[in-house]
PDB file of N, CA and C in Angstrom:
ATOM      1  N   MET A   1      90.821-100.272  20.335  1.00  0.00           N
ATOM      2  CA  MET A   1      90.624 -99.567  21.581  1.00  0.00           C
ATOM      3  C   MET A   1      89.605 -98.442  21.437  1.00  0.00           C
ATOM      4  N   ALA A   2      89.598 -97.762  20.293  1.00  0.00           N
ATOM      5  CA  ALA A   2      88.639 -96.680  20.083  1.00  0.00           C
ATOM      6  C   ALA A   2      87.210 -97.206  20.155  1.00  0.00           C
ATOM      7  N   GLN A   3      86.980 -98.386  19.613  1.00  0.00           N
ATOM      8  CA  GLN A   3      85.641 -98.956  19.651  1.00  0.00           C
ATOM      9  C   GLN A   3      85.206 -99.218  21.093  1.00  0.00           C
ATOM     10  N   ARG A   4      86.116 -99.675  21.920  1.00  0.00           N
ATOM     11  CA  ARG A   4      85.794 -99.929  23.319  1.00  0.00           C
ATOM     12  C   ARG A   4      85.405 -98.631  24.018  1.00  0.00           C
ATOM     13  N   GLY A   5      86.123 -97.548  23.766  1.00  0.00           N
ATOM     14  CA  GLY A   5      85.796 -96.251  24.354  1.00  0.00           C
ATOM     15  C   GLY A   5      84.444 -95.742  23.881  1.00  0.00           C
ATOM     16  N   GLN A   6      84.113 -95.975  22.604  1.00  0.00           N
ATOM     17  CA  GLN A   6      82.819 -95.557  22.081  1.00  0.00           C
ATOM     18  C   GLN A   6      81.693 -96.302  22.779  1.00  0.00           C
ATOM     19  N   ARG A   7      81.898 -97.562  23.087  1.00  0.00           N
ATOM     20  CA  ARG A   7      80.870 -98.322  23.799  1.00  0.00           C
ATOM     21  C   ARG A   7      80.654 -97.754  25.191  1.00  0.00           C
ATOM     22  N   ARG A   8      81.718 -97.383  25.864  1.00  0.00           N
ATOM     23  CA  ARG A   8      81.569 -96.800  27.201  1.00  0.00           C
ATOM     24  C   ARG A   8      80.743 -95.529  27.129  1.00  0.00           C
ATOM     25  N   HIS A   9      80.922 -94.777  26.058  1.00  0.00           N
ATOM     26  CA  HIS A   9      80.124 -93.562  25.906  1.00  0.00           C
ATOM     27  C   HIS A   9      78.655 -93.915  25.782  1.00  0.00           C
ATOM     28  N   ARG A  10      78.349 -94.981  25.048  1.00  0.00           N
ATOM     29  CA  ARG A  10      76.962 -95.396  24.879  1.00  0.00           C
ATOM     30  C   ARG A  10      76.316 -95.760  26.209  1.00  0.00           C
ATOM     31  N   GLU A  11      77.033 -96.518  27.020  1.00  0.00           N
ATOM     32  CA  GLU A  11      76.476 -96.909  28.315  1.00  0.00           C
ATOM     33  C   GLU A  11      76.253 -95.683  29.186  1.00  0.00           C
ATOM     34  N   LEU A  12      77.224 -94.790  29.190  1.00  0.00           N
ATOM     35  CA  LEU A  12      77.118 -93.578  29.988  1.00  0.00           C
ATOM     36  C   LEU A  12      75.966 -92.711  29.483  1.00  0.00           C
ATOM     37  N   LEU A  13      75.829 -92.571  28.170  1.00  0.00           N
ATOM     38  CA  LEU A  13      74.728 -91.778  27.614  1.00  0.00           C
ATOM     39  C   LEU A  13      73.377 -92.390  27.958  1.00  0.00           C
ATOM     40  N   ASN A  14      73.274 -93.703  27.966  1.00  0.00           N
ATOM     41  CA  ASN A  14      72.019 -94.354  28.330  1.00  0.00           C
ATOM     42  C   ASN A  14      71.672 -94.058  29.782  1.00  0.00           C
ATOM     43  N   LEU A  15      72.654 -94.149  30.671  1.00  0.00           N
ATOM     44  CA  LEU A  15      72.395 -93.864  32.087  1.00  0.00           C
ATOM     45  C   LEU A  15      72.034 -92.396  32.291  1.00  0.00           C
ATOM     46  N   LEU A  16      72.690 -91.497  31.559  1.00  0.00           N
ATOM     47  CA  LEU A  16      72.362 -90.073  31.647  1.00  0.00           C
ATOM     48  C   LEU A  16      70.953 -89.796  31.122  1.00  0.00           C
ATOM     49  N   SER A  17      70.576 -90.465  30.045  1.00  0.00           N
ATOM     50  CA  SER A  17      69.232 -90.314  29.502  1.00  0.00           C
ATOM     51  C   SER A  17      68.189 -90.797  30.507  1.00  0.00           C
ATOM     52  N   ASN A  18      68.451 -91.929  31.148  1.00  0.00           N
ATOM     53  CA  ASN A  18      67.537 -92.432  32.184  1.00  0.00           C
ATOM     54  C   ASN A  18      67.421 -91.439  33.334  1.00  0.00           C
ATOM     55  N   ALA A  19      68.545 -90.870  33.749  1.00  0.00           N
ATOM     56  CA  ALA A  19      68.541 -89.900  34.850  1.00  0.00           C
ATOM     57  C   ALA A  19      67.759 -88.650  34.465  1.00  0.00           C
ATOM     58  N   ALA A  20      67.942 -88.178  33.238  1.00  0.00           N
ATOM     59  CA  ALA A  20      67.204 -87.003  32.771  1.00  0.00           C
ATOM     60  C   ALA A  20      65.701 -87.281  32.764  1.00  0.00           C
ATOM     61  N   HIS A  21      65.319 -88.469  32.320  1.00  0.00           N
ATOM     62  CA  HIS A  21      63.905 -88.846  32.316  1.00  0.00           C
ATOM     63  C   HIS A  21      63.368 -88.933  33.743  1.00  0.00           C
ATOM     64  N   ALA A  22      64.153 -89.504  34.645  1.00  0.00           N
ATOM     65  CA  ALA A  22      63.714 -89.675  36.034  1.00  0.00           C
ATOM     66  C   ALA A  22      63.534 -88.341  36.755  1.00  0.00           C
ATOM     67  N   THR A  23      64.288 -87.338  36.352  1.00  0.00           N
ATOM     68  CA  THR A  23      64.231 -86.038  37.038  1.00  0.00           C
ATOM     69  C   THR A  23      63.362 -85.024  36.303  1.00  0.00           C
ATOM     70  N   ALA A  24      62.706 -85.431  35.233  1.00  0.00           N
ATOM     71  CA  ALA A  24      61.929 -84.502  34.408  1.00  0.00           C
ATOM     72  C   ALA A  24      60.836 -83.777  35.195  1.00  0.00           C
ATOM     73  N   ARG A  25      60.285 -84.396  36.207  1.00  0.00           N
ATOM     74  CA  ARG A  25      59.192 -83.778  36.970  1.00  0.00           C
ATOM     75  C   ARG A  25      59.621 -83.320  38.365  1.00  0.00           C
ATOM     76  N   VAL A  26      60.920 -83.285  38.581  1.00  0.00           N
ATOM     77  CA  VAL A  26      61.455 -82.845  39.871  1.00  0.00           C
ATOM     78  C   VAL A  26      61.636 -81.327  39.818  1.00  0.00           C
ATOM     79  N   ALA A  27      61.268 -80.632  40.887  1.00  0.00           N
ATOM     80  CA  ALA A  27      61.354 -79.168  40.910  1.00  0.00           C
ATOM     81  C   ALA A  27      62.775 -78.667  40.642  1.00  0.00           C
ATOM     82  N   GLU A  28      63.753 -79.275  41.250  1.00  0.00           N
ATOM     83  CA  GLU A  28      65.157 -78.892  41.043  1.00  0.00           C
ATOM     84  C   GLU A  28      65.951 -80.135  40.652  1.00  0.00           C
ATOM     85  N   PRO A  29      65.858 -80.535  39.380  1.00  0.00           N
ATOM     86  CA  PRO A  29      66.523 -81.767  38.949  1.00  0.00           C
ATOM     87  C   PRO A  29      68.040 -81.688  39.072  1.00  0.00           C
ATOM     88  N   THR A  30      68.610 -82.782  39.525  1.00  0.00           N
ATOM     89  CA  THR A  30      70.064 -82.875  39.662  1.00  0.00           C
ATOM     90  C   THR A  30      70.525 -84.221  39.118  1.00  0.00           C
ATOM     91  N   VAL A  31      71.527 -84.175  38.262  1.00  0.00           N
ATOM     92  CA  VAL A  31      72.187 -85.379  37.778  1.00  0.00           C
ATOM     93  C   VAL A  31      73.674 -85.160  37.998  1.00  0.00           C
ATOM     94  N   GLU A  32      74.306 -86.088  38.686  1.00  0.00           N
ATOM     95  CA  GLU A  32      75.734 -85.986  38.986  1.00  0.00           C
ATOM     96  C   GLU A  32      76.471 -87.157  38.353  1.00  0.00           C
ATOM     97  N   VAL A  33      77.632 -86.868  37.802  1.00  0.00           N
ATOM     98  CA  VAL A  33      78.504 -87.904  37.259  1.00  0.00           C
ATOM     99  C   VAL A  33      79.851 -87.745  37.943  1.00  0.00           C
ATOM    100  N   SER A  34      80.373 -88.840  38.446  1.00  0.00           N
ATOM    101  CA  SER A  34      81.694 -88.801  39.080  1.00  0.00           C
ATOM    102  C   SER A  34      82.489 -90.030  38.642  1.00  0.00           C
ATOM    103  N   ALA A  35      83.794 -89.896  38.700  1.00  0.00           N
ATOM    104  CA  ALA A  35      84.675 -91.008  38.337  1.00  0.00           C
ATOM    105  C   ALA A  35      85.793 -91.080  39.362  1.00  0.00           C
ATOM    106  N   ARG A  36      86.231 -92.298  39.647  1.00  0.00           N
ATOM    107  CA  ARG A  36      87.331 -92.502  40.598  1.00  0.00           C
ATOM    108  C   ARG A  36      87.988 -93.844  40.317  1.00  0.00           C
ATOM    109  N   LEU A  37      89.195 -93.986  40.797  1.00  0.00           N
ATOM    110  CA  LEU A  37      89.864 -95.276  40.721  1.00  0.00           C
ATOM    111  C   LEU A  37      89.510 -96.063  41.964  1.00  0.00           C
ATOM    112  N   ILE A  38      89.172 -97.326  41.765  1.00  0.00           N
ATOM    113  CA  ILE A  38      88.823 -98.189  42.886  1.00  0.00           C
ATOM    114  C   ILE A  38      89.844 -99.310  42.981  1.00  0.00           C
ATOM    115  N   ARG A  39      89.617-100.216  43.893  1.00  0.00           N
ATOM    116  CA  ARG A  39      90.516-101.343  44.118  1.00  0.00           C
ATOM    117  C   ARG A  39      90.996-101.953  42.802  1.00  0.00           C
ATOM    118  N   GLY A  40      92.253-102.252  42.726  1.00  0.00           N
ATOM    119  CA  GLY A  40      92.822-102.852  41.532  1.00  0.00           C
ATOM    120  C   GLY A  40      93.025-101.849  40.411  1.00  0.00           C
ATOM    121  N   ARG A  41      93.007-100.570  40.733  1.00  0.00           N
ATOM    122  CA  ARG A  41      93.170 -99.485  39.760  1.00  0.00           C
ATOM    123  C   ARG A  41      92.125 -99.555  38.651  1.00  0.00           C
ATOM    124  N   ARG A  42      90.933 -99.995  39.026  1.00  0.00           N
ATOM    125  CA  ARG A  42      89.821-100.029  38.078  1.00  0.00           C
ATOM    126  C   ARG A  42      89.111 -98.681  38.106  1.00  0.00           C
ATOM    127  N   LEU A  43      88.511 -98.325  36.982  1.00  0.00           N
ATOM    128  CA  LEU A  43      87.765 -97.085  36.859  1.00  0.00           C
ATOM    129  C   LEU A  43      86.318 -97.325  37.244  1.00  0.00           C
ATOM    130  N   ALA A  44      85.785 -96.487  38.127  1.00  0.00           N
ATOM    131  CA  ALA A  44      84.369 -96.537  38.493  1.00  0.00           C
ATOM    132  C   ALA A  44      83.737 -95.209  38.094  1.00  0.00           C
ATOM    133  N   ILE A  45      82.663 -95.286  37.316  1.00  0.00           N
ATOM    134  CA  ILE A  45      81.918 -94.098  36.907  1.00  0.00           C
ATOM    135  C   ILE A  45      80.534 -94.214  37.522  1.00  0.00           C
ATOM    136  N   GLU A  46      80.127 -93.194  38.263  1.00  0.00           N
ATOM    137  CA  GLU A  46      78.823 -93.205  38.928  1.00  0.00           C
ATOM    138  C   GLU A  46      77.929 -92.126  38.343  1.00  0.00           C
ATOM    139  N   VAL A  47      76.687 -92.502  38.045  1.00  0.00           N
ATOM    140  CA  VAL A  47      75.656 -91.562  37.598  1.00  0.00           C
ATOM    141  C   VAL A  47      74.573 -91.579  38.665  1.00  0.00           C
ATOM    142  N   ARG A  48      74.305 -90.409  39.239  1.00  0.00           N
ATOM    143  CA  ARG A  48      73.358 -90.296  40.358  1.00  0.00           C
ATOM    144  C   ARG A  48      72.343 -89.204  40.028  1.00  0.00           C
ATOM    145  N   ASP A  49      71.085 -89.428  40.401  1.00  0.00           N
ATOM    146  CA  ASP A  49      70.060 -88.404  40.183  1.00  0.00           C
ATOM    147  C   ASP A  49      69.184 -88.253  41.418  1.00  0.00           C
ATOM    148  N   ASN A  50      68.357 -87.218  41.421  1.00  0.00           N
ATOM    149  CA  ASN A  50      67.447 -86.994  42.548  1.00  0.00           C
ATOM    150  C   ASN A  50      65.989 -87.227  42.148  1.00  0.00           C
ATOM    151  N   GLY A  51      65.792 -88.143  41.211  1.00  0.00           N
ATOM    152  CA  GLY A  51      64.440 -88.521  40.806  1.00  0.00           C
ATOM    153  C   GLY A  51      63.798 -89.434  41.842  1.00  0.00           C
ATOM    154  N   PRO A  52      62.708 -90.085  41.485  1.00  0.00           N
ATOM    155  CA  PRO A  52      61.996 -90.941  42.440  1.00  0.00           C
ATOM    156  C   PRO A  52      62.730 -92.232  42.799  1.00  0.00           C
ATOM    157  N   GLY A  53      63.741 -92.606  42.046  1.00  0.00           N
ATOM    158  CA  GLY A  53      64.480 -93.833  42.331  1.00  0.00           C
ATOM    159  C   GLY A  53      63.761 -95.063  41.804  1.00  0.00           C
ATOM    160  N   VAL A  54      64.400 -96.188  41.959  1.00  0.00           N
ATOM    161  CA  VAL A  54      63.821 -97.464  41.532  1.00  0.00           C
ATOM    162  C   VAL A  54      62.824 -97.896  42.599  1.00  0.00           C
ATOM    163  N   PRO A  55      61.590 -98.204  42.200  1.00  0.00           N
ATOM    164  CA  PRO A  55      60.592 -98.622  43.194  1.00  0.00           C
ATOM    165  C   PRO A  55      61.072 -99.821  44.021  1.00  0.00           C
ATOM    166  N   HIS A  56      60.771 -99.774  45.312  1.00  0.00           N
ATOM    167  CA  HIS A  56      61.160-100.846  46.229  1.00  0.00           C
ATOM    168  C   HIS A  56      60.651-102.195  45.715  1.00  0.00           C
ATOM    169  N   GLY A  57      61.517-103.177  45.759  1.00  0.00           N
ATOM    170  CA  GLY A  57      61.168-104.526  45.346  1.00  0.00           C
ATOM    171  C   GLY A  57      61.456-104.814  43.877  1.00  0.00           C
ATOM    172  N   LEU A  58      61.789-103.786  43.106  1.00  0.00           N
ATOM    173  CA  LEU A  58      62.049-103.979  41.678  1.00  0.00           C
ATOM    174  C   LEU A  58      63.533-103.884  41.338  1.00  0.00           C
ATOM    175  N   GLU A  59      64.360-103.706  42.339  1.00  0.00           N
ATOM    176  CA  GLU A  59      65.794-103.514  42.119  1.00  0.00           C
ATOM    177  C   GLU A  59      66.432-104.658  41.321  1.00  0.00           C
ATOM    178  N   HIS A  60      65.979-105.861  41.525  1.00  0.00           N
ATOM    179  CA  HIS A  60      66.572-107.018  40.847  1.00  0.00           C
ATOM    180  C   HIS A  60      66.013-107.210  39.437  1.00  0.00           C
ATOM    181  N   ASP A  61      64.911-106.537  39.121  1.00  0.00           N
ATOM    182  CA  ASP A  61      64.274-106.698  37.817  1.00  0.00           C
ATOM    183  C   ASP A  61      64.752-105.687  36.782  1.00  0.00           C
ATOM    184  N   ILE A  62      65.367-104.595  37.195  1.00  0.00           N
ATOM    185  CA  ILE A  62      65.645-103.492  36.274  1.00  0.00           C
ATOM    186  C   ILE A  62      66.628-103.839  35.161  1.00  0.00           C
ATOM    187  N   PHE A  63      67.452-104.855  35.322  1.00  0.00           N
ATOM    188  CA  PHE A  63      68.393-105.254  34.277  1.00  0.00           C
ATOM    189  C   PHE A  63      67.836-106.380  33.398  1.00  0.00           C
ATOM    190  N   THR A  64      66.604-106.808  33.653  1.00  0.00           N
ATOM    191  CA  THR A  64      65.957-107.859  32.873  1.00  0.00           C
ATOM    192  C   THR A  64      65.473-107.276  31.548  1.00  0.00           C
ATOM    193  N   PRO A  65      65.809-107.925  30.425  1.00  0.00           N
ATOM    194  CA  PRO A  65      65.346-107.415  29.134  1.00  0.00           C
ATOM    195  C   PRO A  65      63.823-107.271  29.083  1.00  0.00           C
ATOM    196  N   PHE A  66      63.373-106.155  28.546  1.00  0.00           N
ATOM    197  CA  PHE A  66      61.970-105.814  28.329  1.00  0.00           C
ATOM    198  C   PHE A  66      61.204-105.506  29.608  1.00  0.00           C
ATOM    199  N   PHE A  67      61.889-105.385  30.740  1.00  0.00           N
ATOM    200  CA  PHE A  67      61.242-104.940  31.969  1.00  0.00           C
ATOM    201  C   PHE A  67      61.405-103.431  32.050  1.00  0.00           C
ATOM    202  N   SER A  68      60.333-102.725  32.338  1.00  0.00           N
ATOM    203  CA  SER A  68      60.405-101.270  32.449  1.00  0.00           C
ATOM    204  C   SER A  68      59.509-100.771  33.567  1.00  0.00           C
ATOM    205  N   THR A  69      59.951 -99.732  34.236  1.00  0.00           N
ATOM    206  CA  THR A  69      59.109 -99.073  35.238  1.00  0.00           C
ATOM    207  C   THR A  69      58.370 -97.899  34.604  1.00  0.00           C
ATOM    208  N   ARG A  70      58.698 -97.570  33.347  1.00  0.00           N
ATOM    209  CA  ARG A  70      58.036 -96.478  32.627  1.00  0.00           C
ATOM    210  C   ARG A  70      56.788 -96.996  31.927  1.00  0.00           C
ATOM    211  N   GLU A  71      55.781 -96.151  31.842  1.00  0.00           N
ATOM    212  CA  GLU A  71      54.542 -96.537  31.181  1.00  0.00           C
ATOM    213  C   GLU A  71      54.771 -96.882  29.710  1.00  0.00           C
ATOM    214  N   HIS A  72      55.621 -96.129  29.031  1.00  0.00           N
ATOM    215  CA  HIS A  72      55.863 -96.362  27.608  1.00  0.00           C
ATOM    216  C   HIS A  72      57.314 -96.763  27.345  1.00  0.00           C
ATOM    217  N   GLY A  73      57.955 -97.390  28.317  1.00  0.00           N
ATOM    218  CA  GLY A  73      59.346 -97.799  28.159  1.00  0.00           C
ATOM    219  C   GLY A  73      59.477 -99.139  27.461  1.00  0.00           C
ATOM    220  N   SER A  74      60.593 -99.323  26.760  1.00  0.00           N
ATOM    221  CA  SER A  74      60.826-100.593  26.058  1.00  0.00           C
ATOM    222  C   SER A  74      61.501-101.622  26.957  1.00  0.00           C
ATOM    223  N   GLY A  75      62.206-101.156  27.976  1.00  0.00           N
ATOM    224  CA  GLY A  75      62.856-102.079  28.890  1.00  0.00           C
ATOM    225  C   GLY A  75      64.133-102.696  28.370  1.00  0.00           C
ATOM    226  N   ILE A  76      64.735-102.091  27.351  1.00  0.00           N
ATOM    227  CA  ILE A  76      65.975-102.680  26.848  1.00  0.00           C
ATOM    228  C   ILE A  76      67.216-101.887  27.255  1.00  0.00           C
ATOM    229  N   GLY A  77      67.052-100.653  27.695  1.00  0.00           N
ATOM    230  CA  GLY A  77      68.195 -99.791  27.998  1.00  0.00           C
ATOM    231  C   GLY A  77      69.171-100.360  29.003  1.00  0.00           C
ATOM    232  N   LEU A  78      68.712-100.668  30.208  1.00  0.00           N
ATOM    233  CA  LEU A  78      69.625-101.174  31.237  1.00  0.00           C
ATOM    234  C   LEU A  78      70.133-102.573  30.911  1.00  0.00           C
ATOM    235  N   ALA A  79      69.321-103.366  30.240  1.00  0.00           N
ATOM    236  CA  ALA A  79      69.772-104.702  29.837  1.00  0.00           C
ATOM    237  C   ALA A  79      70.918-104.592  28.834  1.00  0.00           C
ATOM    238  N   VAL A  80      70.799-103.655  27.888  1.00  0.00           N
ATOM    239  CA  VAL A  80      71.862-103.443  26.906  1.00  0.00           C
ATOM    240  C   VAL A  80      73.109-102.906  27.597  1.00  0.00           C
ATOM    241  N   VAL A  81      72.925-101.949  28.500  1.00  0.00           N
ATOM    242  CA  VAL A  81      74.069-101.404  29.247  1.00  0.00           C
ATOM    243  C   VAL A  81      74.812-102.529  29.940  1.00  0.00           C
ATOM    244  N   ARG A  82      74.090-103.375  30.648  1.00  0.00           N
ATOM    245  CA  ARG A  82      74.734-104.467  31.384  1.00  0.00           C
ATOM    246  C   ARG A  82      75.471-105.417  30.447  1.00  0.00           C
ATOM    247  N   ASN A  83      74.841-105.792  29.343  1.00  0.00           N
ATOM    248  CA  ASN A  83      75.482-106.713  28.398  1.00  0.00           C
ATOM    249  C   ASN A  83      76.743-106.115  27.802  1.00  0.00           C
ATOM    250  N   LEU A  84      76.709-104.850  27.408  1.00  0.00           N
ATOM    251  CA  LEU A  84      77.879-104.203  26.824  1.00  0.00           C
ATOM    252  C   LEU A  84      79.010-104.064  27.845  1.00  0.00           C
ATOM    253  N   VAL A  85      78.663-103.636  29.051  1.00  0.00           N
ATOM    254  CA  VAL A  85      79.677-103.464  30.096  1.00  0.00           C
ATOM    255  C   VAL A  85      80.304-104.811  30.454  1.00  0.00           C
ATOM    256  N   GLN A  86      79.496-105.834  30.618  1.00  0.00           N
ATOM    257  CA  GLN A  86      80.034-107.158  30.935  1.00  0.00           C
ATOM    258  C   GLN A  86      80.876-107.694  29.785  1.00  0.00           C
ATOM    259  N   GLY A  87      80.491-107.379  28.548  1.00  0.00           N
ATOM    260  CA  GLY A  87      81.260-107.791  27.388  1.00  0.00           C
ATOM    261  C   GLY A  87      82.655-107.177  27.363  1.00  0.00           C
ATOM    262  N   MET A  88      82.830-106.045  28.038  1.00  0.00           N
ATOM    263  CA  MET A  88      84.135-105.386  28.131  1.00  0.00           C
ATOM    264  C   MET A  88      84.861-105.763  29.423  1.00  0.00           C
ATOM    265  N   GLY A  89      84.327-106.755  30.134  1.00  0.00           N
ATOM    266  CA  GLY A  89      84.968-107.193  31.367  1.00  0.00           C
ATOM    267  C   GLY A  89      84.633-106.324  32.566  1.00  0.00           C
ATOM    268  N   GLY A  90      83.609-105.503  32.449  1.00  0.00           N
ATOM    269  CA  GLY A  90      83.223-104.613  33.538  1.00  0.00           C
ATOM    270  C   GLY A  90      81.966-105.079  34.248  1.00  0.00           C
ATOM    271  N   SER A  91      81.466-104.216  35.097  1.00  0.00           N
ATOM    272  CA  SER A  91      80.235-104.516  35.821  1.00  0.00           C
ATOM    273  C   SER A  91      79.421-103.237  35.958  1.00  0.00           C
ATOM    274  N   VAL A  92      78.132-103.399  36.165  1.00  0.00           N
ATOM    275  CA  VAL A  92      77.243-102.273  36.433  1.00  0.00           C
ATOM    276  C   VAL A  92      76.328-102.701  37.564  1.00  0.00           C
ATOM    277  N   ARG A  93      76.087-101.779  38.472  1.00  0.00           N
ATOM    278  CA  ARG A  93      75.189-102.108  39.583  1.00  0.00           C
ATOM    279  C   ARG A  93      74.372-100.887  39.968  1.00  0.00           C
ATOM    280  N   HIS A  94      73.217-101.153  40.503  1.00  0.00           N
ATOM    281  CA  HIS A  94      72.335-100.109  41.020  1.00  0.00           C
ATOM    282  C   HIS A  94      72.665 -99.904  42.488  1.00  0.00           C
ATOM    283  N   VAL A  95      72.689 -98.645  42.901  1.00  0.00           N
ATOM    284  CA  VAL A  95      72.930 -98.295  44.293  1.00  0.00           C
ATOM    285  C   VAL A  95      71.773 -97.409  44.729  1.00  0.00           C
ATOM    286  N   LYS A  96      71.220 -97.689  45.889  1.00  0.00           N
ATOM    287  CA  LYS A  96      70.131 -96.856  46.403  1.00  0.00           C
ATOM    288  C   LYS A  96      70.726 -95.815  47.351  1.00  0.00           C
ATOM    289  N   PRO A  97      70.833 -94.566  46.901  1.00  0.00           N
ATOM    290  CA  PRO A  97      71.417 -93.526  47.755  1.00  0.00           C
ATOM    291  C   PRO A  97      70.566 -93.263  48.990  1.00  0.00           C
ATOM    292  N   ALA A  98      71.219 -92.963  50.099  1.00  0.00           N
ATOM    293  CA  ALA A  98      70.513 -92.687  51.347  1.00  0.00           C
ATOM    294  C   ALA A  98      69.614 -91.461  51.219  1.00  0.00           C
ATOM    295  N   ARG A  99      70.006 -90.510  50.384  1.00  0.00           N
ATOM    296  CA  ARG A  99      69.226 -89.273  50.256  1.00  0.00           C
ATOM    297  C   ARG A  99      68.158 -89.344  49.167  1.00  0.00           C
ATOM    298  N   GLY A 100      67.917 -90.532  48.616  1.00  0.00           N
ATOM    299  CA  GLY A 100      66.885 -90.702  47.596  1.00  0.00           C
ATOM    300  C   GLY A 100      67.453 -90.681  46.198  1.00  0.00           C
ATOM    301  N   GLY A 101      66.569 -90.874  45.224  1.00  0.00           N
ATOM    302  CA  GLY A 101      67.004 -90.921  43.838  1.00  0.00           C
ATOM    303  C   GLY A 101      67.548 -92.286  43.485  1.00  0.00           C
ATOM    304  N   ALA A 102      68.371 -92.314  42.451  1.00  0.00           N
ATOM    305  CA  ALA A 102      68.979 -93.564  42.011  1.00  0.00           C
ATOM    306  C   ALA A 102      70.429 -93.304  41.649  1.00  0.00           C
ATOM    307  N   ALA A 103      71.228 -94.336  41.728  1.00  0.00           N
ATOM    308  CA  ALA A 103      72.633 -94.248  41.314  1.00  0.00           C
ATOM    309  C   ALA A 103      73.009 -95.559  40.662  1.00  0.00           C
ATOM    310  N   PHE A 104      73.829 -95.448  39.620  1.00  0.00           N
ATOM    311  CA  PHE A 104      74.351 -96.612  38.931  1.00  0.00           C
ATOM    312  C   PHE A 104      75.858 -96.446  38.830  1.00  0.00           C
ATOM    313  N   VAL A 105      76.568 -97.529  39.079  1.00  0.00           N
ATOM    314  CA  VAL A 105      78.032 -97.507  39.041  1.00  0.00           C
ATOM    315  C   VAL A 105      78.519 -98.479  37.981  1.00  0.00           C
ATOM    316  N   LEU A 106      79.280 -97.929  37.038  1.00  0.00           N
ATOM    317  CA  LEU A 106      79.960 -98.732  36.026  1.00  0.00           C
ATOM    318  C   LEU A 106      81.398 -98.923  36.503  1.00  0.00           C
ATOM    319  N   ALA A 107      81.910-100.130  36.467  1.00  0.00           N
ATOM    320  CA  ALA A 107      83.301-100.386  36.878  1.00  0.00           C
ATOM    321  C   ALA A 107      84.004-101.155  35.777  1.00  0.00           C
ATOM    322  N   PHE A 108      85.214-100.689  35.425  1.00  0.00           N
ATOM    323  CA  PHE A 108      86.022-101.312  34.377  1.00  0.00           C
ATOM    324  C   PHE A 108      87.421-101.582  34.893  1.00  0.00           C
TER     325      PHE A 108
END
């Protein structure tokens, strides 16, 4: 069980790192993390930022291995997050907040 919890930390740290990178050039950067129980008493963890968000039309590509919207990105971060989360029986999805930025929800 400890190993499973350590993996969740890795996914969360990757999403936080992405959010920090996305907000690096924002005048007042904001990264929010929230957790709640959802249907079926599953845990949902949301990471939200006020960066530029995922460019329109690329939402379906961001979890593809080696795809990156960054000039010097490797494109493996979100693909690894998705594989690890799915390996634990969970899911990860991108949400486009109405107020801009990006949000990702991990559900276990």
